[in-house]
Amino acid sequence: MYALFLILNDIHKLDDIHEIFYEYHCGATTLDSQGMGKVLLEHNEDIPVFASIRKLVEGTKPYNKTIISVIKEKQLLDKVIKRINEELDYIHKPGIGFMFVIPVLDCFGSKIKKGG
């Protein structure tokens, strides 16, 4: 089993991402979240590095969405990751979000369906 985490900065893509999980019959939980980058920018105005980064993110919404999905099979996980990567196009749209996967040793309190 694997836990896929997607930190989605472009919240306008949320419905499209939910559709991908639906398409592959995977459950997912979406949480409101806020990265420390925005908080650091708000508190460190005198640091030159933060001042230059501020210009990049100024005016953007400070919140993002964290999407978590536990997926049982590696093959299905790979398909979901491929579709998310296609949808978000990280290479051409930096800052849209990032994704990582960690192994799940045990899962309690939820019935994991076959495949998803």
PDB file of N, CA and C in Angstrom:
ATOM      1  N   MET A   1       0.839  -1.181   0.000  1.00  0.00           N
ATOM      2  CA  MET A   1       0.000   0.000   0.000  1.00  0.00           C
ATOM      3  C   MET A   1       0.879   1.238   0.000  1.00  0.00           C
ATOM      4  N   TYR A   2       0.324   2.290  -0.590  1.00  0.00           N
ATOM      5  CA  TYR A   2       1.061   3.539  -0.733  1.00  0.00           C
ATOM      6  C   TYR A   2       0.152   4.718  -0.392  1.00  0.00           C
ATOM      7  N   ALA A   3       0.727   5.744   0.201  1.00  0.00           N
ATOM      8  CA  ALA A   3      -0.004   6.981   0.432  1.00  0.00           C
ATOM      9  C   ALA A   3       0.549   8.032  -0.516  1.00  0.00           C
ATOM     10  N   LEU A   4      -0.299   8.520  -1.379  1.00  0.00           N
ATOM     11  CA  LEU A   4       0.061   9.573  -2.315  1.00  0.00           C
ATOM     12  C   LEU A   4      -0.364  10.902  -1.708  1.00  0.00           C
ATOM     13  N   PHE A   5       0.552  11.838  -1.639  1.00  0.00           N
ATOM     14  CA  PHE A   5       0.278  13.181  -1.132  1.00  0.00           C
ATOM     15  C   PHE A   5       0.496  14.163  -2.269  1.00  0.00           C
ATOM     16  N   LEU A   6      -0.485  14.997  -2.513  1.00  0.00           N
ATOM     17  CA  LEU A   6      -0.368  16.046  -3.522  1.00  0.00           C
ATOM     18  C   LEU A   6      -0.658  17.376  -2.847  1.00  0.00           C
ATOM     19  N   ILE A   7       0.325  18.270  -2.860  1.00  0.00           N
ATOM     20  CA  ILE A   7       0.137  19.628  -2.360  1.00  0.00           C
ATOM     21  C   ILE A   7      -0.169  20.469  -3.587  1.00  0.00           C
ATOM     22  N   LEU A   8      -1.400  20.901  -3.713  1.00  0.00           N
ATOM     23  CA  LEU A   8      -1.878  21.588  -4.904  1.00  0.00           C
ATOM     24  C   LEU A   8      -1.974  23.091  -4.642  1.00  0.00           C
ATOM     25  N   ASN A   9      -1.068  23.842  -5.239  1.00  0.00           N
ATOM     26  CA  ASN A   9      -1.087  25.294  -5.087  1.00  0.00           C
ATOM     27  C   ASN A   9      -2.111  25.951  -6.001  1.00  0.00           C
ATOM     28  N   ASP A  10      -2.331  25.376  -7.174  1.00  0.00           N
ATOM     29  CA  ASP A  10      -3.316  25.916  -8.119  1.00  0.00           C
ATOM     30  C   ASP A  10      -4.664  25.267  -7.819  1.00  0.00           C
ATOM     31  N   ILE A  11      -5.419  25.891  -6.909  1.00  0.00           N
ATOM     32  CA  ILE A  11      -6.672  25.276  -6.467  1.00  0.00           C
ATOM     33  C   ILE A  11      -7.730  25.224  -7.558  1.00  0.00           C
ATOM     34  N   HIS A  12      -7.509  25.926  -8.660  1.00  0.00           N
ATOM     35  CA  HIS A  12      -8.442  25.841  -9.785  1.00  0.00           C
ATOM     36  C   HIS A  12      -8.376  24.476 -10.459  1.00  0.00           C
ATOM     37  N   LYS A  13      -7.328  23.710 -10.173  1.00  0.00           N
ATOM     38  CA  LYS A  13      -7.162  22.368 -10.738  1.00  0.00           C
ATOM     39  C   LYS A  13      -7.778  21.286  -9.851  1.00  0.00           C
ATOM     40  N   LEU A  14      -8.345  21.668  -8.734  1.00  0.00           N
ATOM     41  CA  LEU A  14      -8.839  20.692  -7.766  1.00  0.00           C
ATOM     42  C   LEU A  14      -9.882  19.746  -8.356  1.00  0.00           C
ATOM     43  N   ASP A  15     -10.867  20.272  -9.054  1.00  0.00           N
ATOM     44  CA  ASP A  15     -11.902  19.409  -9.638  1.00  0.00           C
ATOM     45  C   ASP A  15     -11.311  18.428 -10.642  1.00  0.00           C
ATOM     46  N   ASP A  16     -10.343  18.883 -11.431  1.00  0.00           N
ATOM     47  CA  ASP A  16      -9.694  18.001 -12.402  1.00  0.00           C
ATOM     48  C   ASP A  16      -8.937  16.873 -11.696  1.00  0.00           C
ATOM     49  N   ILE A  17      -8.295  17.183 -10.600  1.00  0.00           N
ATOM     50  CA  ILE A  17      -7.564  16.174  -9.838  1.00  0.00           C
ATOM     51  C   ILE A  17      -8.535  15.183  -9.204  1.00  0.00           C
ATOM     52  N   HIS A  18      -9.637  15.687  -8.660  1.00  0.00           N
ATOM     53  CA  HIS A  18     -10.647  14.783  -8.096  1.00  0.00           C
ATOM     54  C   HIS A  18     -11.181  13.836  -9.167  1.00  0.00           C
ATOM     55  N   GLU A  19     -11.351  14.324 -10.380  1.00  0.00           N
ATOM     56  CA  GLU A  19     -11.822  13.486 -11.488  1.00  0.00           C
ATOM     57  C   GLU A  19     -10.864  12.336 -11.777  1.00  0.00           C
ATOM     58  N   ILE A  20      -9.568  12.588 -11.647  1.00  0.00           N
ATOM     59  CA  ILE A  20      -8.577  11.534 -11.875  1.00  0.00           C
ATOM     60  C   ILE A  20      -8.740  10.424 -10.843  1.00  0.00           C
ATOM     61  N   PHE A  21      -8.883  10.788  -9.574  1.00  0.00           N
ATOM     62  CA  PHE A  21      -9.085   9.770  -8.545  1.00  0.00           C
ATOM     63  C   PHE A  21     -10.388   9.009  -8.786  1.00  0.00           C
ATOM     64  N   TYR A  22     -11.423   9.708  -9.210  1.00  0.00           N
ATOM     65  CA  TYR A  22     -12.703   9.065  -9.519  1.00  0.00           C
ATOM     66  C   TYR A  22     -12.550   8.097 -10.692  1.00  0.00           C
ATOM     67  N   GLU A  23     -11.859   8.548 -11.722  1.00  0.00           N
ATOM     68  CA  GLU A  23     -11.638   7.741 -12.930  1.00  0.00           C
ATOM     69  C   GLU A  23     -10.980   6.398 -12.597  1.00  0.00           C
ATOM     70  N   TYR A  24     -10.076   6.402 -11.637  1.00  0.00           N
ATOM     71  CA  TYR A  24      -9.362   5.177 -11.260  1.00  0.00           C
ATOM     72  C   TYR A  24      -9.946   4.507 -10.020  1.00  0.00           C
ATOM     73  N   HIS A  25     -11.120   4.946  -9.585  1.00  0.00           N
ATOM     74  CA  HIS A  25     -11.835   4.359  -8.450  1.00  0.00           C
ATOM     75  C   HIS A  25     -10.997   4.380  -7.173  1.00  0.00           C
ATOM     76  N   CYS A  26     -10.308   5.474  -6.956  1.00  0.00           N
ATOM     77  CA  CYS A  26      -9.499   5.663  -5.749  1.00  0.00           C
ATOM     78  C   CYS A  26     -10.157   6.711  -4.861  1.00  0.00           C
ATOM     79  N   GLY A  27     -10.199   6.438  -3.606  1.00  0.00           N
ATOM     80  CA  GLY A  27     -10.673   7.439  -2.674  1.00  0.00           C
ATOM     81  C   GLY A  27      -9.573   8.462  -2.419  1.00  0.00           C
ATOM     82  N   ALA A  28      -9.958   9.624  -1.975  1.00  0.00           N
ATOM     83  CA  ALA A  28      -8.986  10.664  -1.650  1.00  0.00           C
ATOM     84  C   ALA A  28      -9.620  11.620  -0.645  1.00  0.00           C
ATOM     85  N   THR A  29      -8.794  12.180   0.190  1.00  0.00           N
ATOM     86  CA  THR A  29      -9.226  13.185   1.160  1.00  0.00           C
ATOM     87  C   THR A  29      -8.504  14.485   0.847  1.00  0.00           C
ATOM     88  N   THR A  30      -9.251  15.577   0.825  1.00  0.00           N
ATOM     89  CA  THR A  30      -8.679  16.884   0.519  1.00  0.00           C
ATOM     90  C   THR A  30      -8.767  17.775   1.759  1.00  0.00           C
ATOM     91  N   LEU A  31      -7.626  18.364   2.101  1.00  0.00           N
ATOM     92  CA  LEU A  31      -7.531  19.230   3.270  1.00  0.00           C
ATOM     93  C   LEU A  31      -7.103  20.628   2.850  1.00  0.00           C
ATOM     94  N   ASP A  32      -7.598  21.643   3.536  1.00  0.00           N
ATOM     95  CA  ASP A  32      -7.078  22.998   3.355  1.00  0.00           C
ATOM     96  C   ASP A  32      -5.713  23.053   4.031  1.00  0.00           C
ATOM     97  N   SER A  33      -4.760  23.708   3.388  1.00  0.00           N
ATOM     98  CA  SER A  33      -3.421  23.788   3.964  1.00  0.00           C
ATOM     99  C   SER A  33      -2.764  25.107   3.583  1.00  0.00           C
ATOM    100  N   GLN A  34      -1.673  25.400   4.275  1.00  0.00           N
ATOM    101  CA  GLN A  34      -0.906  26.607   3.987  1.00  0.00           C
ATOM    102  C   GLN A  34       0.563  26.272   4.155  1.00  0.00           C
ATOM    103  N   GLY A  35       1.358  26.605   3.159  1.00  0.00           N
ATOM    104  CA  GLY A  35       2.781  26.340   3.214  1.00  0.00           C
ATOM    105  C   GLY A  35       3.518  27.381   4.041  1.00  0.00           C
ATOM    106  N   MET A  36       4.647  26.998   4.558  1.00  0.00           N
ATOM    107  CA  MET A  36       5.463  27.917   5.366  1.00  0.00           C
ATOM    108  C   MET A  36       6.095  29.004   4.515  1.00  0.00           C
ATOM    109  N   GLY A  37       6.241  28.793   3.226  1.00  0.00           N
ATOM    110  CA  GLY A  37       6.839  29.804   2.364  1.00  0.00           C
ATOM    111  C   GLY A  37       6.127  31.137   2.463  1.00  0.00           C
ATOM    112  N   LYS A  38       4.819  31.116   2.392  1.00  0.00           N
ATOM    113  CA  LYS A  38       4.035  32.344   2.479  1.00  0.00           C
ATOM    114  C   LYS A  38       4.173  32.986   3.856  1.00  0.00           C
ATOM    115  N   VAL A  39       4.178  32.170   4.901  1.00  0.00           N
ATOM    116  CA  VAL A  39       4.322  32.684   6.261  1.00  0.00           C
ATOM    117  C   VAL A  39       5.689  33.341   6.429  1.00  0.00           C
ATOM    118  N   LEU A  40       6.741  32.677   5.926  1.00  0.00           N
ATOM    119  CA  LEU A  40       8.089  33.244   6.033  1.00  0.00           C
ATOM    120  C   LEU A  40       8.188  34.565   5.284  1.00  0.00           C
ATOM    121  N   LEU A  41       7.551  34.636   4.143  1.00  0.00           N
ATOM    122  CA  LEU A  41       7.572  35.875   3.374  1.00  0.00           C
ATOM    123  C   LEU A  41       6.927  37.018   4.147  1.00  0.00           C
ATOM    124  N   GLU A  42       5.874  36.702   4.880  1.00  0.00           N
ATOM    125  CA  GLU A  42       5.157  37.727   5.630  1.00  0.00           C
ATOM    126  C   GLU A  42       5.951  38.240   6.830  1.00  0.00           C
ATOM    127  N   HIS A  43       6.917  37.445   7.324  1.00  0.00           N
ATOM    128  CA  HIS A  43       7.647  37.812   8.534  1.00  0.00           C
ATOM    129  C   HIS A  43       9.094  38.216   8.307  1.00  0.00           C
ATOM    130  N   ASN A  44       9.593  38.088   7.112  1.00  0.00           N
ATOM    131  CA  ASN A  44      11.010  38.348   6.862  1.00  0.00           C
ATOM    132  C   ASN A  44      11.207  39.323   5.714  1.00  0.00           C
ATOM    133  N   GLU A  45      10.642  40.476   5.827  1.00  0.00           N
ATOM    134  CA  GLU A  45      10.709  41.462   4.749  1.00  0.00           C
ATOM    135  C   GLU A  45      12.108  41.987   4.497  1.00  0.00           C
ATOM    136  N   ASP A  46      12.982  41.965   5.487  1.00  0.00           N
ATOM    137  CA  ASP A  46      14.309  42.560   5.346  1.00  0.00           C
ATOM    138  C   ASP A  46      15.336  41.628   4.716  1.00  0.00           C
ATOM    139  N   ILE A  47      15.010  40.360   4.544  1.00  0.00           N
ATOM    140  CA  ILE A  47      15.952  39.403   3.964  1.00  0.00           C
ATOM    141  C   ILE A  47      15.827  39.460   2.446  1.00  0.00           C
ATOM    142  N   PRO A  48      16.915  39.773   1.724  1.00  0.00           N
ATOM    143  CA  PRO A  48      16.872  39.949   0.268  1.00  0.00           C
ATOM    144  C   PRO A  48      16.295  38.746  -0.487  1.00  0.00           C
ATOM    145  N   VAL A  49      16.631  37.548  -0.064  1.00  0.00           N
ATOM    146  CA  VAL A  49      16.112  36.360  -0.755  1.00  0.00           C
ATOM    147  C   VAL A  49      14.597  36.330  -0.685  1.00  0.00           C
ATOM    148  N   PHE A  50      14.048  36.615   0.489  1.00  0.00           N
ATOM    149  CA  PHE A  50      12.599  36.613   0.642  1.00  0.00           C
ATOM    150  C   PHE A  50      11.953  37.758  -0.131  1.00  0.00           C
ATOM    151  N   ALA A  51      12.630  38.861  -0.233  1.00  0.00           N
ATOM    152  CA  ALA A  51      12.088  39.996  -0.985  1.00  0.00           C
ATOM    153  C   ALA A  51      11.940  39.639  -2.461  1.00  0.00           C
ATOM    154  N   SER A  52      12.905  38.915  -3.018  1.00  0.00           N
ATOM    155  CA  SER A  52      12.803  38.545  -4.431  1.00  0.00           C
ATOM    156  C   SER A  52      11.745  37.474  -4.644  1.00  0.00           C
ATOM    157  N   ILE A  53      11.615  36.570  -3.690  1.00  0.00           N
ATOM    158  CA  ILE A  53      10.567  35.541  -3.800  1.00  0.00           C
ATOM    159  C   ILE A  53       9.191  36.184  -3.651  1.00  0.00           C
ATOM    160  N   ARG A  54       9.108  37.201  -2.796  1.00  0.00           N
ATOM    161  CA  ARG A  54       7.835  37.883  -2.577  1.00  0.00           C
ATOM    162  C   ARG A  54       7.246  38.379  -3.896  1.00  0.00           C
ATOM    163  N   LYS A  55       8.092  38.878  -4.770  1.00  0.00           N
ATOM    164  CA  LYS A  55       7.622  39.387  -6.055  1.00  0.00           C
ATOM    165  C   LYS A  55       6.970  38.295  -6.884  1.00  0.00           C
ATOM    166  N   LEU A  56       7.437  37.060  -6.725  1.00  0.00           N
ATOM    167  CA  LEU A  56       6.877  35.946  -7.482  1.00  0.00           C
ATOM    168  C   LEU A  56       5.506  35.521  -6.972  1.00  0.00           C
ATOM    169  N   VAL A  57       5.317  35.581  -5.645  1.00  0.00           N
ATOM    170  CA  VAL A  57       4.068  35.052  -5.085  1.00  0.00           C
ATOM    171  C   VAL A  57       3.105  36.122  -4.604  1.00  0.00           C
ATOM    172  N   GLU A  58       3.503  37.375  -4.657  1.00  0.00           N
ATOM    173  CA  GLU A  58       2.637  38.440  -4.169  1.00  0.00           C
ATOM    174  C   GLU A  58       1.317  38.426  -4.936  1.00  0.00           C
ATOM    175  N   GLY A  59       0.255  38.530  -4.216  1.00  0.00           N
ATOM    176  CA  GLY A  59      -1.056  38.546  -4.849  1.00  0.00           C
ATOM    177  C   GLY A  59      -1.656  37.158  -5.009  1.00  0.00           C
ATOM    178  N   THR A  60      -0.857  36.108  -4.811  1.00  0.00           N
ATOM    179  CA  THR A  60      -1.418  34.774  -4.908  1.00  0.00           C
ATOM    180  C   THR A  60      -2.100  34.423  -3.601  1.00  0.00           C
ATOM    181  N   LYS A  61      -3.007  33.483  -3.669  1.00  0.00           N
ATOM    182  CA  LYS A  61      -3.700  33.062  -2.458  1.00  0.00           C
ATOM    183  C   LYS A  61      -2.720  32.295  -1.566  1.00  0.00           C
ATOM    184  N   PRO A  62      -2.756  32.527  -0.271  1.00  0.00           N
ATOM    185  CA  PRO A  62      -1.788  31.890   0.615  1.00  0.00           C
ATOM    186  C   PRO A  62      -2.102  30.430   0.912  1.00  0.00           C
ATOM    187  N   TYR A  63      -3.249  29.975   0.520  1.00  0.00           N
ATOM    188  CA  TYR A  63      -3.659  28.622   0.874  1.00  0.00           C
ATOM    189  C   TYR A  63      -3.538  27.691  -0.312  1.00  0.00           C
ATOM    190  N   ASN A  64      -3.378  26.402   0.008  1.00  0.00           N
ATOM    191  CA  ASN A  64      -3.371  25.380  -1.021  1.00  0.00           C
ATOM    192  C   ASN A  64      -4.225  24.219  -0.526  1.00  0.00           C
ATOM    193  N   LYS A  65      -4.258  23.165  -1.282  1.00  0.00           N
ATOM    194  CA  LYS A  65      -5.002  21.967  -0.907  1.00  0.00           C
ATOM    195  C   LYS A  65      -4.024  20.807  -0.813  1.00  0.00           C
ATOM    196  N   THR A  66      -4.179  20.001   0.211  1.00  0.00           N
ATOM    197  CA  THR A  66      -3.404  18.778   0.341  1.00  0.00           C
ATOM    198  C   THR A  66      -4.355  17.613   0.114  1.00  0.00           C
ATOM    199  N   ILE A  67      -4.036  16.789  -0.873  1.00  0.00           N
ATOM    200  CA  ILE A  67      -4.864  15.651  -1.241  1.00  0.00           C
ATOM    201  C   ILE A  67      -4.098  14.391  -0.868  1.00  0.00           C
ATOM    202  N   ILE A  68      -4.747  13.511  -0.137  1.00  0.00           N
ATOM    203  CA  ILE A  68      -4.134  12.264   0.319  1.00  0.00           C
ATOM    204  C   ILE A  68      -4.975  11.101  -0.189  1.00  0.00           C
ATOM    205  N   SER A  69      -4.301  10.107  -0.759  1.00  0.00           N
ATOM    206  CA  SER A  69      -4.985   8.910  -1.222  1.00  0.00           C
ATOM    207  C   SER A  69      -4.152   7.687  -0.875  1.00  0.00           C
ATOM    208  N   VAL A  70      -4.774   6.692  -0.279  1.00  0.00           N
ATOM    209  CA  VAL A  70      -4.098   5.423  -0.006  1.00  0.00           C
ATOM    210  C   VAL A  70      -4.488   4.465  -1.131  1.00  0.00           C
ATOM    211  N   ILE A  71      -3.459   3.990  -1.830  1.00  0.00           N
ATOM    212  CA  ILE A  71      -3.666   3.139  -3.004  1.00  0.00           C
ATOM    213  C   ILE A  71      -2.945   1.824  -2.764  1.00  0.00           C
ATOM    214  N   LYS A  72      -3.665   0.733  -2.944  1.00  0.00           N
ATOM    215  CA  LYS A  72      -3.148  -0.583  -2.590  1.00  0.00           C
ATOM    216  C   LYS A  72      -2.098  -1.109  -3.571  1.00  0.00           C
ATOM    217  N   GLU A  73      -2.352  -0.980  -4.857  1.00  0.00           N
ATOM    218  CA  GLU A  73      -1.498  -1.618  -5.862  1.00  0.00           C
ATOM    219  C   GLU A  73      -0.563  -0.624  -6.542  1.00  0.00           C
ATOM    220  N   LYS A  74       0.690  -1.029  -6.729  1.00  0.00           N
ATOM    221  CA  LYS A  74       1.709  -0.187  -7.358  1.00  0.00           C
ATOM    222  C   LYS A  74       1.320   0.183  -8.786  1.00  0.00           C
ATOM    223  N   GLN A  75       0.746  -0.748  -9.535  1.00  0.00           N
ATOM    224  CA  GLN A  75       0.339  -0.467 -10.924  1.00  0.00           C
ATOM    225  C   GLN A  75      -0.684   0.660 -10.982  1.00  0.00           C
ATOM    226  N   LEU A  76      -1.653   0.603 -10.109  1.00  0.00           N
ATOM    227  CA  LEU A  76      -2.682   1.642 -10.073  1.00  0.00           C
ATOM    228  C   LEU A  76      -2.073   2.975  -9.631  1.00  0.00           C
ATOM    229  N   LEU A  77      -1.210   2.936  -8.638  1.00  0.00           N
ATOM    230  CA  LEU A  77      -0.519   4.131  -8.184  1.00  0.00           C
ATOM    231  C   LEU A  77       0.215   4.800  -9.349  1.00  0.00           C
ATOM    232  N   ASP A  78       0.939   4.012 -10.123  1.00  0.00           N
ATOM    233  CA  ASP A  78       1.697   4.550 -11.255  1.00  0.00           C
ATOM    234  C   ASP A  78       0.787   5.209 -12.289  1.00  0.00           C
ATOM    235  N   LYS A  79      -0.387   4.626 -12.530  1.00  0.00           N
ATOM    236  CA  LYS A  79      -1.345   5.210 -13.481  1.00  0.00           C
ATOM    237  C   LYS A  79      -1.875   6.552 -12.973  1.00  0.00           C
ATOM    238  N   VAL A  80      -2.208   6.600 -11.699  1.00  0.00           N
ATOM    239  CA  VAL A  80      -2.725   7.841 -11.097  1.00  0.00           C
ATOM    240  C   VAL A  80      -1.657   8.933 -11.151  1.00  0.00           C
ATOM    241  N   ILE A  81      -0.428   8.582 -10.786  1.00  0.00           N
ATOM    242  CA  ILE A  81       0.669   9.552 -10.819  1.00  0.00           C
ATOM    243  C   ILE A  81       0.879  10.079 -12.232  1.00  0.00           C
ATOM    244  N   LYS A  82       0.843   9.196 -13.203  1.00  0.00           N
ATOM    245  CA  LYS A  82       1.045   9.617 -14.598  1.00  0.00           C
ATOM    246  C   LYS A  82      -0.021  10.625 -15.019  1.00  0.00           C
ATOM    247  N   ARG A  83      -1.271  10.342 -14.692  1.00  0.00           N
ATOM    248  CA  ARG A  83      -2.375  11.247 -15.063  1.00  0.00           C
ATOM    249  C   ARG A  83      -2.273  12.594 -14.338  1.00  0.00           C
ATOM    250  N   ILE A  84      -1.897  12.567 -13.065  1.00  0.00           N
ATOM    251  CA  ILE A  84      -1.744  13.822 -12.329  1.00  0.00           C
ATOM    252  C   ILE A  84      -0.616  14.633 -12.940  1.00  0.00           C
ATOM    253  N   ASN A  85       0.494  13.987 -13.251  1.00  0.00           N
ATOM    254  CA  ASN A  85       1.619  14.693 -13.873  1.00  0.00           C
ATOM    255  C   ASN A  85       1.218  15.304 -15.214  1.00  0.00           C
ATOM    256  N   GLU A  86       0.427  14.585 -15.990  1.00  0.00           N
ATOM    257  CA  GLU A  86      -0.059  15.123 -17.273  1.00  0.00           C
ATOM    258  C   GLU A  86      -0.960  16.335 -17.046  1.00  0.00           C
ATOM    259  N   GLU A  87      -1.835  16.235 -16.076  1.00  0.00           N
ATOM    260  CA  GLU A  87      -2.789  17.313 -15.791  1.00  0.00           C
ATOM    261  C   GLU A  87      -2.088  18.571 -15.285  1.00  0.00           C
ATOM    262  N   LEU A  88      -1.129  18.399 -14.392  1.00  0.00           N
ATOM    263  CA  LEU A  88      -0.500  19.561 -13.779  1.00  0.00           C
ATOM    264  C   LEU A  88       0.672  20.112 -14.575  1.00  0.00           C
ATOM    265  N   ASP A  89       1.298  19.298 -15.409  1.00  0.00           N
ATOM    266  CA  ASP A  89       2.375  19.756 -16.293  1.00  0.00           C
ATOM    267  C   ASP A  89       3.421  20.563 -15.513  1.00  0.00           C
ATOM    268  N   TYR A  90       4.006  19.920 -14.499  1.00  0.00           N
ATOM    269  CA  TYR A  90       4.966  20.569 -13.595  1.00  0.00           C
ATOM    270  C   TYR A  90       6.122  21.251 -14.319  1.00  0.00           C
ATOM    271  N   ILE A  91       6.605  20.640 -15.389  1.00  0.00           N
ATOM    272  CA  ILE A  91       7.791  21.162 -16.081  1.00  0.00           C
ATOM    273  C   ILE A  91       7.527  22.550 -16.659  1.00  0.00           C
ATOM    274  N   HIS A  92       6.361  22.732 -17.250  1.00  0.00           N
ATOM    275  CA  HIS A  92       6.033  24.004 -17.892  1.00  0.00           C
ATOM    276  C   HIS A  92       5.316  24.985 -16.973  1.00  0.00           C
ATOM    277  N   LYS A  93       4.866  24.502 -15.827  1.00  0.00           N
ATOM    278  CA  LYS A  93       4.140  25.367 -14.888  1.00  0.00           C
ATOM    279  C   LYS A  93       4.698  25.184 -13.476  1.00  0.00           C
ATOM    280  N   PRO A  94       5.917  25.681 -13.230  1.00  0.00           N
ATOM    281  CA  PRO A  94       6.492  25.518 -11.886  1.00  0.00           C
ATOM    282  C   PRO A  94       5.653  26.222 -10.823  1.00  0.00           C
ATOM    283  N   GLY A  95       5.626  25.646  -9.641  1.00  0.00           N
ATOM    284  CA  GLY A  95       4.898  26.248  -8.526  1.00  0.00           C
ATOM    285  C   GLY A  95       3.453  25.815  -8.434  1.00  0.00           C
ATOM    286  N   ILE A  96       2.984  24.996  -9.377  1.00  0.00           N
ATOM    287  CA  ILE A  96       1.583  24.561  -9.376  1.00  0.00           C
ATOM    288  C   ILE A  96       1.307  23.593  -8.223  1.00  0.00           C
ATOM    289  N   GLY A  97       2.362  22.923  -7.749  1.00  0.00           N
ATOM    290  CA  GLY A  97       2.221  21.991  -6.647  1.00  0.00           C
ATOM    291  C   GLY A  97       3.344  20.976  -6.666  1.00  0.00           C
ATOM    292  N   PHE A  98       3.291  20.045  -5.731  1.00  0.00           N
ATOM    293  CA  PHE A  98       4.243  18.940  -5.754  1.00  0.00           C
ATOM    294  C   PHE A  98       3.601  17.707  -5.137  1.00  0.00           C
ATOM    295  N   MET A  99       4.187  16.550  -5.479  1.00  0.00           N
ATOM    296  CA  MET A  99       3.592  15.284  -5.089  1.00  0.00           C
ATOM    297  C   MET A  99       4.692  14.363  -4.570  1.00  0.00           C
ATOM    298  N   PHE A 100       4.343  13.552  -3.573  1.00  0.00           N
ATOM    299  CA  PHE A 100       5.257  12.521  -3.110  1.00  0.00           C
ATOM    300  C   PHE A 100       4.458  11.316  -2.640  1.00  0.00           C
ATOM    301  N   VAL A 101       5.134  10.175  -2.546  1.00  0.00           N
ATOM    302  CA  VAL A 101       4.499   8.918  -2.162  1.00  0.00           C
ATOM    303  C   VAL A 101       5.316   8.300  -1.037  1.00  0.00           C
ATOM    304  N   ILE A 102       4.612   7.774  -0.043  1.00  0.00           N
ATOM    305  CA  ILE A 102       5.287   7.038   1.028  1.00  0.00           C
ATOM    306  C   ILE A 102       4.595   5.682   1.199  1.00  0.00           C
ATOM    307  N   PRO A 103       5.346   4.684   1.632  1.00  0.00           N
ATOM    308  CA  PRO A 103       4.726   3.370   1.850  1.00  0.00           C
ATOM    309  C   PRO A 103       3.824   3.387   3.089  1.00  0.00           C
ATOM    310  N   VAL A 104       2.769   2.606   3.029  1.00  0.00           N
ATOM    311  CA  VAL A 104       1.855   2.445   4.157  1.00  0.00           C
ATOM    312  C   VAL A 104       2.021   1.015   4.658  1.00  0.00           C
ATOM    313  N   LEU A 105       2.449   0.869   5.896  1.00  0.00           N
ATOM    314  CA  LEU A 105       2.674  -0.462   6.453  1.00  0.00           C
ATOM    315  C   LEU A 105       1.372  -1.114   6.886  1.00  0.00           C
ATOM    316  N   ASP A 106       0.497  -0.345   7.492  1.00  0.00           N
ATOM    317  CA  ASP A 106      -0.802  -0.826   7.950  1.00  0.00           C
ATOM    318  C   ASP A 106      -1.823   0.275   7.776  1.00  0.00           C
ATOM    319  N   CYS A 107      -3.074  -0.127   7.657  1.00  0.00           N
ATOM    320  CA  CYS A 107      -4.167   0.835   7.536  1.00  0.00           C
ATOM    321  C   CYS A 107      -5.317   0.356   8.412  1.00  0.00           C
ATOM    322  N   PHE A 108      -5.789   1.199   9.300  1.00  0.00           N
ATOM    323  CA  PHE A 108      -6.841   0.835  10.232  1.00  0.00           C
ATOM    324  C   PHE A 108      -8.026   1.772  10.100  1.00  0.00           C
ATOM    325  N   GLY A 109      -9.197   1.265  10.338  1.00  0.00           N
ATOM    326  CA  GLY A 109     -10.387   2.093  10.370  1.00  0.00           C
ATOM    327  C   GLY A 109     -11.003   2.372   9.018  1.00  0.00           C
ATOM    328  N   SER A 110     -10.460   1.772   7.980  1.00  0.00           N
ATOM    329  CA  SER A 110     -11.020   1.982   6.652  1.00  0.00           C
ATOM    330  C   SER A 110     -10.839   0.709   5.851  1.00  0.00           C
ATOM    331  N   LYS A 111     -11.872   0.377   5.124  1.00  0.00           N
ATOM    332  CA  LYS A 111     -11.786  -0.810   4.268  1.00  0.00           C
ATOM    333  C   LYS A 111     -11.149  -0.396   2.951  1.00  0.00           C
ATOM    334  N   ILE A 112      -9.996  -0.970   2.645  1.00  0.00           N
ATOM    335  CA  ILE A 112      -9.321  -0.695   1.388  1.00  0.00           C
ATOM    336  C   ILE A 112      -9.904  -1.621   0.334  1.00  0.00           C
ATOM    337  N   LYS A 113     -10.501  -1.021  -0.684  1.00  0.00           N
ATOM    338  CA  LYS A 113     -11.100  -1.809  -1.767  1.00  0.00           C
ATOM    339  C   LYS A 113     -10.017  -2.449  -2.615  1.00  0.00           C
ATOM    340  N   LYS A 114     -10.372  -3.504  -3.289  1.00  0.00           N
ATOM    341  CA  LYS A 114      -9.438  -4.169  -4.194  1.00  0.00           C
ATOM    342  C   LYS A 114      -8.977  -3.173  -5.245  1.00  0.00           C
ATOM    343  N   GLY A 115      -7.655  -2.990  -5.317  1.00  0.00           N
ATOM    344  CA  GLY A 115      -7.093  -2.077  -6.313  1.00  0.00           C
ATOM    345  C   GLY A 115      -6.959  -0.655  -5.825  1.00  0.00           C
ATOM    346  N   GLY A 116      -7.817  -0.158  -4.979  1.00  0.00           N
ATOM    347  CA  GLY A 116      -7.756   1.262  -4.633  1.00  0.00           C
ATOM    348  C   GLY A 116      -7.751   1.545  -3.217  1.00  0.00           C
TER     349      GLY A 116
END
